[in-house]
């Protein structure tokens, strides 16, 4: 359901981002991933299979930012454009 934020309707999408490998034709999540049975997932395949790794500091920063989004501490696209135009 949309919510109002600073006069604008906003949509909050719960998302989890995780890495996985294909093993025996199945997509196997790496790490501790808890998805309810029957969850719908979107898979994006890196066509050239270049990988990257985040440092522990970068992982912590990414987690911190995801927590901000979960709390609703966000800026709408309209607000971002307004700020950039200043």
PDB file of N, CA and C in Angstrom:
ATOM      1  N   UNK A   1       0.836  -1.184   0.000  1.00  0.00           N
ATOM      2  CA  UNK A   1       0.000   0.000   0.000  1.00  0.00           C
ATOM      3  C   UNK A   1       0.881   1.248   0.000  1.00  0.00           C
ATOM      4  N   UNK A   2       0.486   2.241  -0.752  1.00  0.00           N
ATOM      5  CA  UNK A   2       1.264   3.478  -0.731  1.00  0.00           C
ATOM      6  C   UNK A   2       1.041   4.236   0.571  1.00  0.00           C
ATOM      7  N   UNK A   3       2.019   5.057   0.923  1.00  0.00           N
ATOM      8  CA  UNK A   3       1.917   5.922   2.090  1.00  0.00           C
ATOM      9  C   UNK A   3       2.237   7.345   1.651  1.00  0.00           C
ATOM     10  N   UNK A   4       1.851   8.301   2.474  1.00  0.00           N
ATOM     11  CA  UNK A   4       2.145   9.699   2.164  1.00  0.00           C
ATOM     12  C   UNK A   4       3.446  10.101   2.839  1.00  0.00           C
ATOM     13  N   UNK A   5       4.314  10.762   2.110  1.00  0.00           N
ATOM     14  CA  UNK A   5       5.562  11.282   2.656  1.00  0.00           C
ATOM     15  C   UNK A   5       5.766  12.666   2.069  1.00  0.00           C
ATOM     16  N   UNK A   6       5.725  13.675   2.928  1.00  0.00           N
ATOM     17  CA  UNK A   6       5.903  15.067   2.497  1.00  0.00           C
ATOM     18  C   UNK A   6       4.978  15.414   1.336  1.00  0.00           C
ATOM     19  N   UNK A   7       3.712  14.977   1.449  1.00  0.00           N
ATOM     20  CA  UNK A   7       2.708  15.330   0.445  1.00  0.00           C
ATOM     21  C   UNK A   7       2.751  14.505  -0.821  1.00  0.00           C
ATOM     22  N   UNK A   8       3.597  13.504  -0.883  1.00  0.00           N
ATOM     23  CA  UNK A   8       3.722  12.686  -2.084  1.00  0.00           C
ATOM     24  C   UNK A   8       3.414  11.235  -1.736  1.00  0.00           C
ATOM     25  N   UNK A   9       2.699  10.553  -2.601  1.00  0.00           N
ATOM     26  CA  UNK A   9       2.434   9.133  -2.383  1.00  0.00           C
ATOM     27  C   UNK A   9       3.702   8.347  -2.664  1.00  0.00           C
ATOM     28  N   UNK A  10       4.079   7.476  -1.731  1.00  0.00           N
ATOM     29  CA  UNK A  10       5.295   6.676  -1.856  1.00  0.00           C
ATOM     30  C   UNK A  10       4.948   5.204  -1.724  1.00  0.00           C
ATOM     31  N   UNK A  11       5.673   4.384  -2.406  1.00  0.00           N
ATOM     32  CA  UNK A  11       5.505   2.942  -2.310  1.00  0.00           C
ATOM     33  C   UNK A  11       6.730   2.368  -1.632  1.00  0.00           C
ATOM     34  N   UNK A  12       6.502   1.503  -0.668  1.00  0.00           N
ATOM     35  CA  UNK A  12       7.602   0.838   0.023  1.00  0.00           C
ATOM     36  C   UNK A  12       7.612  -0.617  -0.419  1.00  0.00           C
ATOM     37  N   UNK A  13       8.704  -1.039  -0.972  1.00  0.00           N
ATOM     38  CA  UNK A  13       8.838  -2.421  -1.414  1.00  0.00           C
ATOM     39  C   UNK A  13       9.832  -3.120  -0.508  1.00  0.00           C
ATOM     40  N   UNK A  14       9.383  -4.183   0.153  1.00  0.00           N
ATOM     41  CA  UNK A  14      10.318  -4.981   0.936  1.00  0.00           C
ATOM     42  C   UNK A  14      11.167  -5.795  -0.016  1.00  0.00           C
ATOM     43  N   UNK A  15      12.454  -5.624   0.081  1.00  0.00           N
ATOM     44  CA  UNK A  15      13.361  -6.366  -0.778  1.00  0.00           C
ATOM     45  C   UNK A  15      14.511  -6.915   0.041  1.00  0.00           C
ATOM     46  N   UNK A  16      14.997  -8.049  -0.382  1.00  0.00           N
ATOM     47  CA  UNK A  16      16.219  -8.618   0.157  1.00  0.00           C
ATOM     48  C   UNK A  16      17.153  -8.819  -1.020  1.00  0.00           C
ATOM     49  N   UNK A  17      18.391  -8.465  -0.830  1.00  0.00           N
ATOM     50  CA  UNK A  17      19.401  -8.668  -1.861  1.00  0.00           C
ATOM     51  C   UNK A  17      20.383  -9.682  -1.314  1.00  0.00           C
ATOM     52  N   UNK A  18      20.638 -10.712  -2.100  1.00  0.00           N
ATOM     53  CA  UNK A  18      21.585 -11.730  -1.668  1.00  0.00           C
ATOM     54  C   UNK A  18      22.250 -12.348  -2.881  1.00  0.00           C
ATOM     55  N   UNK A  19      23.372 -12.982  -2.650  1.00  0.00           N
ATOM     56  CA  UNK A  19      24.098 -13.665  -3.716  1.00  0.00           C
ATOM     57  C   UNK A  19      23.712 -15.135  -3.721  1.00  0.00           C
ATOM     58  N   UNK A  20      23.832 -15.740  -4.876  1.00  0.00           N
ATOM     59  CA  UNK A  20      23.512 -17.156  -5.012  1.00  0.00           C
ATOM     60  C   UNK A  20      24.377 -17.749  -6.117  1.00  0.00           C
ATOM     61  N   UNK A  21      24.460 -19.058  -6.124  1.00  0.00           N
ATOM     62  CA  UNK A  21      25.166 -19.804  -7.175  1.00  0.00           C
ATOM     63  C   UNK A  21      24.201 -20.837  -7.737  1.00  0.00           C
ATOM     64  N   UNK A  22      24.418 -21.195  -8.985  1.00  0.00           N
ATOM     65  CA  UNK A  22      23.632 -22.269  -9.588  1.00  0.00           C
ATOM     66  C   UNK A  22      24.384 -23.565  -9.368  1.00  0.00           C
ATOM     67  N   UNK A  23      23.713 -24.516  -8.742  1.00  0.00           N
ATOM     68  CA  UNK A  23      24.300 -25.832  -8.486  1.00  0.00           C
ATOM     69  C   UNK A  23      23.269 -26.883  -8.870  1.00  0.00           C
ATOM     70  N   UNK A  24      23.643 -27.735  -9.787  1.00  0.00           N
ATOM     71  CA  UNK A  24      22.725 -28.787 -10.235  1.00  0.00           C
ATOM     72  C   UNK A  24      21.448 -28.236 -10.839  1.00  0.00           C
ATOM     73  N   UNK A  25      21.537 -27.053 -11.444  1.00  0.00           N
ATOM     74  CA  UNK A  25      20.376 -26.446 -12.079  1.00  0.00           C
ATOM     75  C   UNK A  25      19.478 -25.670 -11.133  1.00  0.00           C
ATOM     76  N   UNK A  26      19.806 -25.645  -9.845  1.00  0.00           N
ATOM     77  CA  UNK A  26      19.005 -24.911  -8.863  1.00  0.00           C
ATOM     78  C   UNK A  26      19.777 -23.686  -8.386  1.00  0.00           C
ATOM     79  N   UNK A  27      19.067 -22.647  -8.025  1.00  0.00           N
ATOM     80  CA  UNK A  27      19.677 -21.440  -7.490  1.00  0.00           C
ATOM     81  C   UNK A  27      19.785 -21.614  -5.979  1.00  0.00           C
ATOM     82  N   UNK A  28      21.009 -21.630  -5.474  1.00  0.00           N
ATOM     83  CA  UNK A  28      21.278 -21.854  -4.063  1.00  0.00           C
ATOM     84  C   UNK A  28      21.819 -20.557  -3.449  1.00  0.00           C
ATOM     85  N   UNK A  29      21.079 -20.015  -2.493  1.00  0.00           N
ATOM     86  CA  UNK A  29      21.484 -18.774  -1.835  1.00  0.00           C
ATOM     87  C   UNK A  29      22.742 -19.007  -1.017  1.00  0.00           C
ATOM     88  N   UNK A  30      23.614 -18.010  -1.024  1.00  0.00           N
ATOM     89  CA  UNK A  30      24.822 -18.061  -0.213  1.00  0.00           C
ATOM     90  C   UNK A  30      24.570 -17.290   1.078  1.00  0.00           C
ATOM     91  N   UNK A  31      25.002 -17.828   2.184  1.00  0.00           N
ATOM     92  CA  UNK A  31      24.812 -17.154   3.461  1.00  0.00           C
ATOM     93  C   UNK A  31      23.462 -17.469   4.072  1.00  0.00           C
ATOM     94  N   UNK A  32      23.103 -16.690   5.061  1.00  0.00           N
ATOM     95  CA  UNK A  32      21.877 -16.905   5.818  1.00  0.00           C
ATOM     96  C   UNK A  32      20.740 -16.121   5.180  1.00  0.00           C
ATOM     97  N   UNK A  33      19.977 -16.770   4.305  1.00  0.00           N
ATOM     98  CA  UNK A  33      18.852 -16.140   3.627  1.00  0.00           C
ATOM     99  C   UNK A  33      17.586 -16.871   4.044  1.00  0.00           C
ATOM    100  N   UNK A  34      16.640 -16.117   4.607  1.00  0.00           N
ATOM    101  CA  UNK A  34      15.394 -16.709   5.073  1.00  0.00           C
ATOM    102  C   UNK A  34      14.247 -16.156   4.239  1.00  0.00           C
ATOM    103  N   UNK A  35      13.753 -16.956   3.314  1.00  0.00           N
ATOM    104  CA  UNK A  35      12.631 -16.558   2.470  1.00  0.00           C
ATOM    105  C   UNK A  35      11.442 -17.471   2.762  1.00  0.00           C
ATOM    106  N   UNK A  36      10.266 -16.889   2.892  1.00  0.00           N
ATOM    107  CA  UNK A  36       9.092 -17.734   3.115  1.00  0.00           C
ATOM    108  C   UNK A  36       8.843 -18.654   1.914  1.00  0.00           C
ATOM    109  N   UNK A  37       8.358 -19.847   2.187  1.00  0.00           N
ATOM    110  CA  UNK A  37       8.020 -20.793   1.118  1.00  0.00           C
ATOM    111  C   UNK A  37       7.056 -20.122   0.150  1.00  0.00           C
ATOM    112  N   UNK A  38       7.323 -20.271  -1.130  1.00  0.00           N
ATOM    113  CA  UNK A  38       6.470 -19.690  -2.164  1.00  0.00           C
ATOM    114  C   UNK A  38       6.812 -18.256  -2.523  1.00  0.00           C
ATOM    115  N   UNK A  39       7.887 -17.718  -1.945  1.00  0.00           N
ATOM    116  CA  UNK A  39       8.286 -16.341  -2.259  1.00  0.00           C
ATOM    117  C   UNK A  39       8.573 -16.202  -3.747  1.00  0.00           C
ATOM    118  N   UNK A  40       8.209 -15.054  -4.290  1.00  0.00           N
ATOM    119  CA  UNK A  40       8.552 -14.733  -5.670  1.00  0.00           C
ATOM    120  C   UNK A  40       9.887 -14.006  -5.652  1.00  0.00           C
ATOM    121  N   UNK A  41      10.802 -14.434  -6.506  1.00  0.00           N
ATOM    122  CA  UNK A  41      12.114 -13.806  -6.574  1.00  0.00           C
ATOM    123  C   UNK A  41      12.407 -13.379  -8.006  1.00  0.00           C
ATOM    124  N   UNK A  42      13.239 -12.376  -8.144  1.00  0.00           N
ATOM    125  CA  UNK A  42      13.727 -11.927  -9.438  1.00  0.00           C
ATOM    126  C   UNK A  42      15.217 -12.228  -9.474  1.00  0.00           C
ATOM    127  N   UNK A  43      15.662 -12.850 -10.531  1.00  0.00           N
ATOM    128  CA  UNK A  43      17.067 -13.221 -10.655  1.00  0.00           C
ATOM    129  C   UNK A  43      17.693 -12.374 -11.759  1.00  0.00           C
ATOM    130  N   UNK A  44      18.780 -11.717 -11.425  1.00  0.00           N
ATOM    131  CA  UNK A  44      19.545 -10.946 -12.396  1.00  0.00           C
ATOM    132  C   UNK A  44      20.873 -11.666 -12.579  1.00  0.00           C
ATOM    133  N   UNK A  45      21.153 -12.068 -13.796  1.00  0.00           N
ATOM    134  CA  UNK A  45      22.366 -12.826 -14.076  1.00  0.00           C
ATOM    135  C   UNK A  45      23.416 -11.897 -14.655  1.00  0.00           C
ATOM    136  N   UNK A  46      24.586 -11.953 -14.069  1.00  0.00           N
ATOM    137  CA  UNK A  46      25.712 -11.183 -14.573  1.00  0.00           C
ATOM    138  C   UNK A  46      26.265 -11.923 -15.784  1.00  0.00           C
ATOM    139  N   UNK A  47      25.958 -11.430 -16.966  1.00  0.00           N
ATOM    140  CA  UNK A  47      26.282 -12.133 -18.199  1.00  0.00           C
ATOM    141  C   UNK A  47      27.778 -12.382 -18.384  1.00  0.00           C
ATOM    142  N   UNK A  48      28.607 -11.441 -17.957  1.00  0.00           N
ATOM    143  CA  UNK A  48      30.040 -11.656 -18.158  1.00  0.00           C
ATOM    144  C   UNK A  48      30.711 -12.230 -16.908  1.00  0.00           C
ATOM    145  N   UNK A  49      29.928 -12.537 -15.904  1.00  0.00           N
ATOM    146  CA  UNK A  49      30.367 -13.215 -14.692  1.00  0.00           C
ATOM    147  C   UNK A  49      31.509 -12.514 -13.967  1.00  0.00           C
ATOM    148  N   UNK A  50      31.597 -11.208 -14.141  1.00  0.00           N
ATOM    149  CA  UNK A  50      32.555 -10.464 -13.321  1.00  0.00           C
ATOM    150  C   UNK A  50      31.945 -10.313 -11.938  1.00  0.00           C
ATOM    151  N   UNK A  51      32.694 -10.616 -10.948  1.00  0.00           N
ATOM    152  CA  UNK A  51      32.211 -10.525  -9.576  1.00  0.00           C
ATOM    153  C   UNK A  51      32.882  -9.366  -8.863  1.00  0.00           C
ATOM    154  N   UNK A  52      32.273  -8.944  -7.799  1.00  0.00           N
ATOM    155  CA  UNK A  52      32.903  -7.960  -6.937  1.00  0.00           C
ATOM    156  C   UNK A  52      32.627  -8.363  -5.497  1.00  0.00           C
ATOM    157  N   UNK A  53      33.469  -7.915  -4.650  1.00  0.00           N
ATOM    158  CA  UNK A  53      33.306  -8.206  -3.225  1.00  0.00           C
ATOM    159  C   UNK A  53      33.297  -6.888  -2.473  1.00  0.00           C
ATOM    160  N   UNK A  54      32.489  -6.832  -1.440  1.00  0.00           N
ATOM    161  CA  UNK A  54      32.467  -5.659  -0.586  1.00  0.00           C
ATOM    162  C   UNK A  54      33.350  -5.903   0.625  1.00  0.00           C
ATOM    163  N   UNK A  55      34.046  -4.870   1.011  1.00  0.00           N
ATOM    164  CA  UNK A  55      34.832  -4.964   2.235  1.00  0.00           C
ATOM    165  C   UNK A  55      33.867  -5.010   3.415  1.00  0.00           C
ATOM    166  N   UNK A  56      34.318  -5.449   4.568  1.00  0.00           N
ATOM    167  CA  UNK A  56      33.433  -5.423   5.744  1.00  0.00           C
ATOM    168  C   UNK A  56      32.878  -4.020   6.019  1.00  0.00           C
ATOM    169  N   UNK A  57      33.687  -2.993   5.770  1.00  0.00           N
ATOM    170  CA  UNK A  57      33.229  -1.620   5.981  1.00  0.00           C
ATOM    171  C   UNK A  57      32.124  -1.263   4.994  1.00  0.00           C
ATOM    172  N   UNK A  58      32.294  -1.645   3.717  1.00  0.00           N
ATOM    173  CA  UNK A  58      31.271  -1.367   2.707  1.00  0.00           C
ATOM    174  C   UNK A  58      29.998  -2.151   2.989  1.00  0.00           C
ATOM    175  N   UNK A  59      30.138  -3.398   3.441  1.00  0.00           N
ATOM    176  CA  UNK A  59      28.962  -4.188   3.801  1.00  0.00           C
ATOM    177  C   UNK A  59      28.207  -3.533   4.948  1.00  0.00           C
ATOM    178  N   UNK A  60      28.935  -3.022   5.938  1.00  0.00           N
ATOM    179  CA  UNK A  60      28.302  -2.344   7.069  1.00  0.00           C
ATOM    180  C   UNK A  60      27.581  -1.083   6.608  1.00  0.00           C
ATOM    181  N   UNK A  61      28.188  -0.333   5.700  1.00  0.00           N
ATOM    182  CA  UNK A  61      27.573   0.885   5.172  1.00  0.00           C
ATOM    183  C   UNK A  61      26.301   0.554   4.393  1.00  0.00           C
ATOM    184  N   UNK A  62      26.356  -0.472   3.573  1.00  0.00           N
ATOM    185  CA  UNK A  62      25.184  -0.891   2.808  1.00  0.00           C
ATOM    186  C   UNK A  62      24.057  -1.323   3.741  1.00  0.00           C
ATOM    187  N   UNK A  63      24.392  -2.061   4.778  1.00  0.00           N
ATOM    188  CA  UNK A  63      23.400  -2.504   5.754  1.00  0.00           C
ATOM    189  C   UNK A  63      22.784  -1.311   6.483  1.00  0.00           C
ATOM    190  N   UNK A  64      23.617  -0.340   6.835  1.00  0.00           N
ATOM    191  CA  UNK A  64      23.140   0.873   7.511  1.00  0.00           C
ATOM    192  C   UNK A  64      22.145   1.617   6.621  1.00  0.00           C
ATOM    193  N   UNK A  65      22.460   1.742   5.352  1.00  0.00           N
ATOM    194  CA  UNK A  65      21.568   2.449   4.422  1.00  0.00           C
ATOM    195  C   UNK A  65      20.267   1.682   4.214  1.00  0.00           C
ATOM    196  N   UNK A  66      20.331   0.357   4.153  1.00  0.00           N
ATOM    197  CA  UNK A  66      19.118  -0.455   4.018  1.00  0.00           C
ATOM    198  C   UNK A  66      18.226  -0.276   5.242  1.00  0.00           C
ATOM    199  N   UNK A  67      18.833  -0.180   6.433  1.00  0.00           N
ATOM    200  CA  UNK A  67      18.063   0.058   7.659  1.00  0.00           C
ATOM    201  C   UNK A  67      17.357   1.410   7.601  1.00  0.00           C
ATOM    202  N   UNK A  68      18.020   2.420   7.040  1.00  0.00           N
ATOM    203  CA  UNK A  68      17.399   3.736   6.888  1.00  0.00           C
ATOM    204  C   UNK A  68      16.157   3.647   6.013  1.00  0.00           C
ATOM    205  N   UNK A  69      16.256   2.906   4.928  1.00  0.00           N
ATOM    206  CA  UNK A  69      15.109   2.728   4.035  1.00  0.00           C
ATOM    207  C   UNK A  69      13.986   2.007   4.767  1.00  0.00           C
ATOM    208  N   UNK A  70      14.327   0.970   5.521  1.00  0.00           N
ATOM    209  CA  UNK A  70      13.315   0.227   6.282  1.00  0.00           C
ATOM    210  C   UNK A  70      12.580   1.128   7.269  1.00  0.00           C
ATOM    211  N   UNK A  71      13.282   2.117   7.833  1.00  0.00           N
ATOM    212  CA  UNK A  71      12.662   3.048   8.782  1.00  0.00           C
ATOM    213  C   UNK A  71      11.853   4.129   8.071  1.00  0.00           C
ATOM    214  N   UNK A  72      11.962   4.187   6.762  1.00  0.00           N
ATOM    215  CA  UNK A  72      11.257   5.234   6.016  1.00  0.00           C
ATOM    216  C   UNK A  72      12.036   6.526   5.913  1.00  0.00           C
ATOM    217  N   UNK A  73      13.304   6.496   6.277  1.00  0.00           N
ATOM    218  CA  UNK A  73      14.165   7.675   6.210  1.00  0.00           C
ATOM    219  C   UNK A  73      14.669   7.808   4.776  1.00  0.00           C
ATOM    220  N   UNK A  74      13.787   8.292   3.905  1.00  0.00           N
ATOM    221  CA  UNK A  74      14.078   8.352   2.475  1.00  0.00           C
ATOM    222  C   UNK A  74      13.753   9.743   1.930  1.00  0.00           C
ATOM    223  N   UNK A  75      14.194  10.006   0.742  1.00  0.00           N
ATOM    224  CA  UNK A  75      13.883  11.228   0.019  1.00  0.00           C
ATOM    225  C   UNK A  75      13.169  10.809  -1.259  1.00  0.00           C
ATOM    226  N   UNK A  76      12.038  11.443  -1.545  1.00  0.00           N
ATOM    227  CA  UNK A  76      11.316  11.124  -2.771  1.00  0.00           C
ATOM    228  C   UNK A  76      12.099  11.638  -3.980  1.00  0.00           C
ATOM    229  N   UNK A  77      11.788  11.100  -5.140  1.00  0.00           N
ATOM    230  CA  UNK A  77      12.449  11.550  -6.366  1.00  0.00           C
ATOM    231  C   UNK A  77      12.174  13.028  -6.598  1.00  0.00           C
ATOM    232  N   UNK A  78      10.953  13.472  -6.335  1.00  0.00           N
ATOM    233  CA  UNK A  78      10.610  14.887  -6.519  1.00  0.00           C
ATOM    234  C   UNK A  78      11.454  15.776  -5.606  1.00  0.00           C
ATOM    235  N   UNK A  79      11.634  15.341  -4.345  1.00  0.00           N
ATOM    236  CA  UNK A  79      12.447  16.115  -3.412  1.00  0.00           C
ATOM    237  C   UNK A  79      13.905  16.133  -3.841  1.00  0.00           C
ATOM    238  N   UNK A  80      14.414  15.010  -4.310  1.00  0.00           N
ATOM    239  CA  UNK A  80      15.795  14.954  -4.783  1.00  0.00           C
ATOM    240  C   UNK A  80      16.001  15.915  -5.947  1.00  0.00           C
ATOM    241  N   UNK A  81      15.082  15.899  -6.907  1.00  0.00           N
ATOM    242  CA  UNK A  81      15.197  16.802  -8.055  1.00  0.00           C
ATOM    243  C   UNK A  81      15.123  18.264  -7.614  1.00  0.00           C
ATOM    244  N   UNK A  82      14.253  18.549  -6.626  1.00  0.00           N
ATOM    245  CA  UNK A  82      14.150  19.919  -6.119  1.00  0.00           C
ATOM    246  C   UNK A  82      15.474  20.347  -5.484  1.00  0.00           C
ATOM    247  N   UNK A  83      16.070  19.468  -4.707  1.00  0.00           N
ATOM    248  CA  UNK A  83      17.346  19.794  -4.059  1.00  0.00           C
ATOM    249  C   UNK A  83      18.461  19.989  -5.078  1.00  0.00           C
ATOM    250  N   UNK A  84      18.479  19.130  -6.100  1.00  0.00           N
ATOM    251  CA  UNK A  84      19.521  19.243  -7.125  1.00  0.00           C
ATOM    252  C   UNK A  84      19.398  20.529  -7.927  1.00  0.00           C
ATOM    253  N   UNK A  85      18.165  21.018  -8.076  1.00  0.00           N
ATOM    254  CA  UNK A  85      17.933  22.227  -8.855  1.00  0.00           C
ATOM    255  C   UNK A  85      18.357  23.487  -8.110  1.00  0.00           C
ATOM    256  N   UNK A  86      18.570  23.390  -6.811  1.00  0.00           N
ATOM    257  CA  UNK A  86      18.948  24.581  -6.025  1.00  0.00           C
ATOM    258  C   UNK A  86      20.373  24.999  -6.313  1.00  0.00           C
TER     259      UNK A  86
END
